[in-house]
C-alpha atoms as a PDB file:
ATOM      1  CA  MET A   1     205.862 -65.196-142.785  1.00  0.00           C
ATOM      2  CA  LYS A   2     202.688 -67.033-143.684  1.00  0.00           C
ATOM      3  CA  LYS A   3     201.905 -67.397-140.021  1.00  0.00           C
ATOM      4  CA  THR A   4     202.333 -63.670-139.416  1.00  0.00           C
ATOM      5  CA  PHE A   5     200.184 -62.812-142.407  1.00  0.00           C
ATOM      6  CA  LEU A   6     197.434 -65.202-141.309  1.00  0.00           C
ATOM      7  CA  PHE A   7     197.637 -63.885-137.765  1.00  0.00           C
ATOM      8  CA  LEU A   8     197.258 -60.266-138.935  1.00  0.00           C
ATOM      9  CA  ALA A   9     194.360 -61.177-141.258  1.00  0.00           C
ATOM     10  CA  GLY A  10     192.590 -63.099-138.502  1.00  0.00           C
ATOM     11  CA  SER A  11     193.004 -60.297-135.978  1.00  0.00           C
ATOM     12  CA  ALA A  12     191.747 -57.742-138.533  1.00  0.00           C
ATOM     13  CA  ILE A  13     188.629 -59.852-139.102  1.00  0.00           C
ATOM     14  CA  MET A  14     188.040 -60.170-135.357  1.00  0.00           C
ATOM     15  CA  PHE A  15     188.358 -56.433-134.808  1.00  0.00           C
ATOM     16  CA  ALA A  16     186.015 -55.712-137.715  1.00  0.00           C
ATOM     17  CA  SER A  17     183.354 -57.992-136.297  1.00  0.00           C
ATOM     18  CA  CYS A  18     183.438 -56.261-132.911  1.00  0.00           C
ATOM     19  CA  GLY A  19     182.515 -52.844-134.339  1.00  0.00           C
ATOM     20  CA  GLU A  20     179.184 -51.018-133.836  1.00  0.00           C
ATOM     21  CA  LYS A  21     176.176 -52.091-135.812  1.00  0.00           C
ATOM     22  CA  LYS A  22     174.891 -49.770-138.470  1.00  0.00           C
ATOM     23  CA  ALA A  23     171.795 -47.621-137.707  1.00  0.00           C
ATOM     24  CA  GLU A  24     169.879 -48.872-140.760  1.00  0.00           C
ATOM     25  CA  ASN A  25     169.596 -52.350-139.240  1.00  0.00           C
ATOM     26  CA  ALA A  26     168.342 -50.972-135.894  1.00  0.00           C
ATOM     27  CA  GLY A  27     164.774 -50.218-137.151  1.00  0.00           C
ATOM     28  CA  PRO A  28     162.873 -46.952-137.536  1.00  0.00           C
ATOM     29  CA  SER A  29     164.235 -43.864-135.819  1.00  0.00           C
ATOM     30  CA  GLN A  30     162.309 -41.877-133.204  1.00  0.00           C
ATOM     31  CA  ALA A  31     161.597 -39.138-135.763  1.00  0.00           C
ATOM     32  CA  GLN A  32     160.001 -41.668-138.113  1.00  0.00           C
ATOM     33  CA  ILE A  33     157.852 -43.076-135.301  1.00  0.00           C
ATOM     34  CA  ASP A  34     156.785 -39.574-134.245  1.00  0.00           C
ATOM     35  CA  SER A  35     155.790 -38.590-137.763  1.00  0.00           C
ATOM     36  CA  THR A  36     153.755 -41.796-138.191  1.00  0.00           C
ATOM     37  CA  VAL A  37     151.950 -41.240-134.880  1.00  0.00           C
ATOM     38  CA  ASN A  38     151.283 -37.562-135.704  1.00  0.00           C
ATOM     39  CA  ALA A  39     149.814 -38.541-139.072  1.00  0.00           C
ATOM     40  CA  GLN A  40     147.495 -41.095-137.429  1.00  0.00           C
ATOM     41  CA  VAL A  41     146.406 -38.559-134.786  1.00  0.00           C
ATOM     42  CA  ALA A  42     145.661 -35.947-137.465  1.00  0.00           C
ATOM     43  CA  GLU A  43     143.605 -38.504-139.406  1.00  0.00           C
ATOM     44  CA  LYS A  44     141.544 -39.420-136.318  1.00  0.00           C
ATOM     45  CA  GLU A  45     140.998 -35.737-135.437  1.00  0.00           C
ATOM     46  CA  ALA A  46     139.762 -35.006-138.958  1.00  0.00           C
ATOM     47  CA  ALA A  47     137.315 -37.925-138.802  1.00  0.00           C
ATOM     48  CA  MET A  48     136.008 -36.832-135.378  1.00  0.00           C
ATOM     49  CA  LYS A  49     135.648 -33.218-136.542  1.00  0.00           C
ATOM     50  CA  ALA A  50     133.648 -34.302-139.596  1.00  0.00           C
ATOM     51  CA  GLU A  51     131.376 -36.458-137.414  1.00  0.00           C
ATOM     52  CA  ASN A  52     130.808 -33.632-134.923  1.00  0.00           C
ATOM     53  CA  ASP A  53     130.095 -31.130-137.707  1.00  0.00           C
ATOM     54  CA  ALA A  54     127.485 -33.507-139.142  1.00  0.00           C
ATOM     55  CA  LYS A  55     125.799 -33.881-135.733  1.00  0.00           C
ATOM     56  CA  ILE A  56     125.751 -30.103-135.193  1.00  0.00           C
ATOM     57  CA  ALA A  57     124.292 -29.500-138.660  1.00  0.00           C
ATOM     58  CA  ALA A  58     121.557 -32.090-138.045  1.00  0.00           C
ATOM     59  CA  ALA A  59     120.651 -30.539-134.682  1.00  0.00           C
ATOM     60  CA  ALA A  60     120.540 -27.046-136.204  1.00  0.00           C
ATOM     61  CA  LYS A  61     118.301 -28.251-139.036  1.00  0.00           C
ATOM     62  CA  ALA A  62     115.941 -29.953-136.582  1.00  0.00           C
ATOM     63  CA  GLN A  63     115.703 -26.781-134.494  1.00  0.00           C
ATOM     64  CA  ALA A  64     115.099 -24.621-137.569  1.00  0.00           C
ATOM     65  CA  ASP A  65     112.375 -27.019-138.742  1.00  0.00           C
ATOM     66  CA  SER A  66     110.642 -26.906-135.345  1.00  0.00           C
ATOM     67  CA  ILE A  67     110.743 -23.092-135.334  1.00  0.00           C
ATOM     68  CA  GLU A  68     109.288 -23.027-138.846  1.00  0.00           C
ATOM     69  CA  ALA A  69     106.556 -25.482-137.822  1.00  0.00           C
ATOM     70  CA  ALA A  70     105.717 -23.323-134.788  1.00  0.00           C
ATOM     71  CA  LYS A  71     105.428 -20.244-137.016  1.00  0.00           C
ATOM     72  CA  THR A  72     103.122 -22.101-139.396  1.00  0.00           C
ATOM     73  CA  THR A  73     100.939 -23.341-136.524  1.00  0.00           C
ATOM     74  CA  THR A  74     100.742 -19.853-135.022  1.00  0.00           C
ATOM     75  CA  THR A  75      99.744 -18.356-138.366  1.00  0.00           C
ATOM     76  CA  LYS A  76      97.000 -20.949-138.899  1.00  0.00           C
ATOM     77  CA  THR A  77      95.705 -20.504-135.350  1.00  0.00           C
ATOM     78  CA  THR A  78      95.553 -16.728-135.633  1.00  0.00           C
ATOM     79  CA  THR A  79      93.722 -16.965-138.913  1.00  0.00           C
ATOM     80  CA  LYS A  80      91.101 -19.274-137.426  1.00  0.00           C
ATOM     81  CA  THR A  81      90.524 -17.125-134.338  1.00  0.00           C
ATOM     82  CA  THR A  82      90.162 -13.916-136.295  1.00  0.00           C
ATOM     83  CA  THR A  83      87.509 -15.368-138.610  1.00  0.00           C
ATOM     84  CA  HIS A  84      85.271 -16.654-135.780  1.00  0.00           C
ATOM     85  CA  THR A  85      83.494 -14.144-133.610  1.00  0.00           C
ATOM     86  CA  THR A  86      81.263 -14.997-130.686  1.00  0.00           C
ATOM     87  CA  LYS A  87      78.497 -12.874-129.259  1.00  0.00           C
ATOM     88  CA  PRO A  88      78.717 -12.111-125.572  1.00  0.00           C
ATOM     89  CA  THR A  89      76.038 -13.873-123.557  1.00  0.00           C
ATOM     90  CA  ALA A  90      73.949 -12.205-120.874  1.00  0.00           C
ATOM     91  CA  PRO A  91      74.869 -13.195-117.320  1.00  0.00           C
ATOM     92  CA  ALA A  92      72.614 -15.765-115.659  1.00  0.00           C
ATOM     93  CA  PRO A  93      70.099 -14.385-113.130  1.00  0.00           C
ATOM     94  CA  PRO A  94      70.995 -14.930-109.486  1.00  0.00           C
ATOM     95  CA  PRO A  95      69.340 -17.900-107.720  1.00  0.00           C
ATOM     96  CA  PRO A  96      66.226 -17.155-105.623  1.00  0.00           C
ATOM     97  CA  PRO A  97      66.740 -16.625-101.879  1.00  0.00           C
ATOM     98  CA  PRO A  98      66.035 -19.618 -99.620  1.00  0.00           C
ATOM     99  CA  ALA A  99      62.520 -19.962 -98.243  1.00  0.00           C
ATOM    100  CA  PRO A 100      62.055 -18.900 -94.568  1.00  0.00           C
ATOM    101  CA  THR A 101      61.728 -21.742 -92.145  1.00  0.00           C
ATOM    102  CA  THR A 102      59.767 -21.819 -88.898  1.00  0.00           C
ATOM    103  CA  PRO A 103      61.231 -23.416 -85.834  1.00  0.00           C
ATOM    104  CA  LYS A 104      59.809 -26.816 -84.996  1.00  0.00           C
ATOM    105  CA  PRO A 105      58.100 -27.212 -81.585  1.00  0.00           C
ATOM    106  CA  ASN A 106      60.015 -29.164 -79.016  1.00  0.00           C
ATOM    107  CA  PRO A 107      58.486 -32.664 -78.660  1.00  0.00           C
ATOM    108  CA  ARG A 108      59.410 -32.816 -74.928  1.00  0.00           C
ATOM    109  CA  PRO A 109      58.498 -29.556 -73.260  1.00  0.00           C
ATOM    110  CA  GLY A 110      60.518 -30.086 -70.030  1.00  0.00           C
ATOM    111  CA  ALA A 111      63.824 -31.114 -71.600  1.00  0.00           C
ATOM    112  CA  HIS A 112      66.423 -28.780 -72.928  1.00  0.00           C
END
């Protein structure tokens, strides 16, 4: 009887050890991995969006400043031109006509 009892106990232990492993020892599930990856992607997207928004705001400020500077320059230029007036000058007289020239005599009368 002892032998039968030991045999049954041994076979029960062998069958128990051949069973499937539990899921908690297998590591994180696919859903856990997906949620971790999605959280990291969302974090990176938020950082990139903040960086891009800062660049856009800086470019818009620079453009607004240049427009304002152009307006200021135009206003100063118009003020200066309106305060200075110049008198029109008389046109210069035309140059005198060239003096008439007489033909020179030919030094060799027989040659043409």
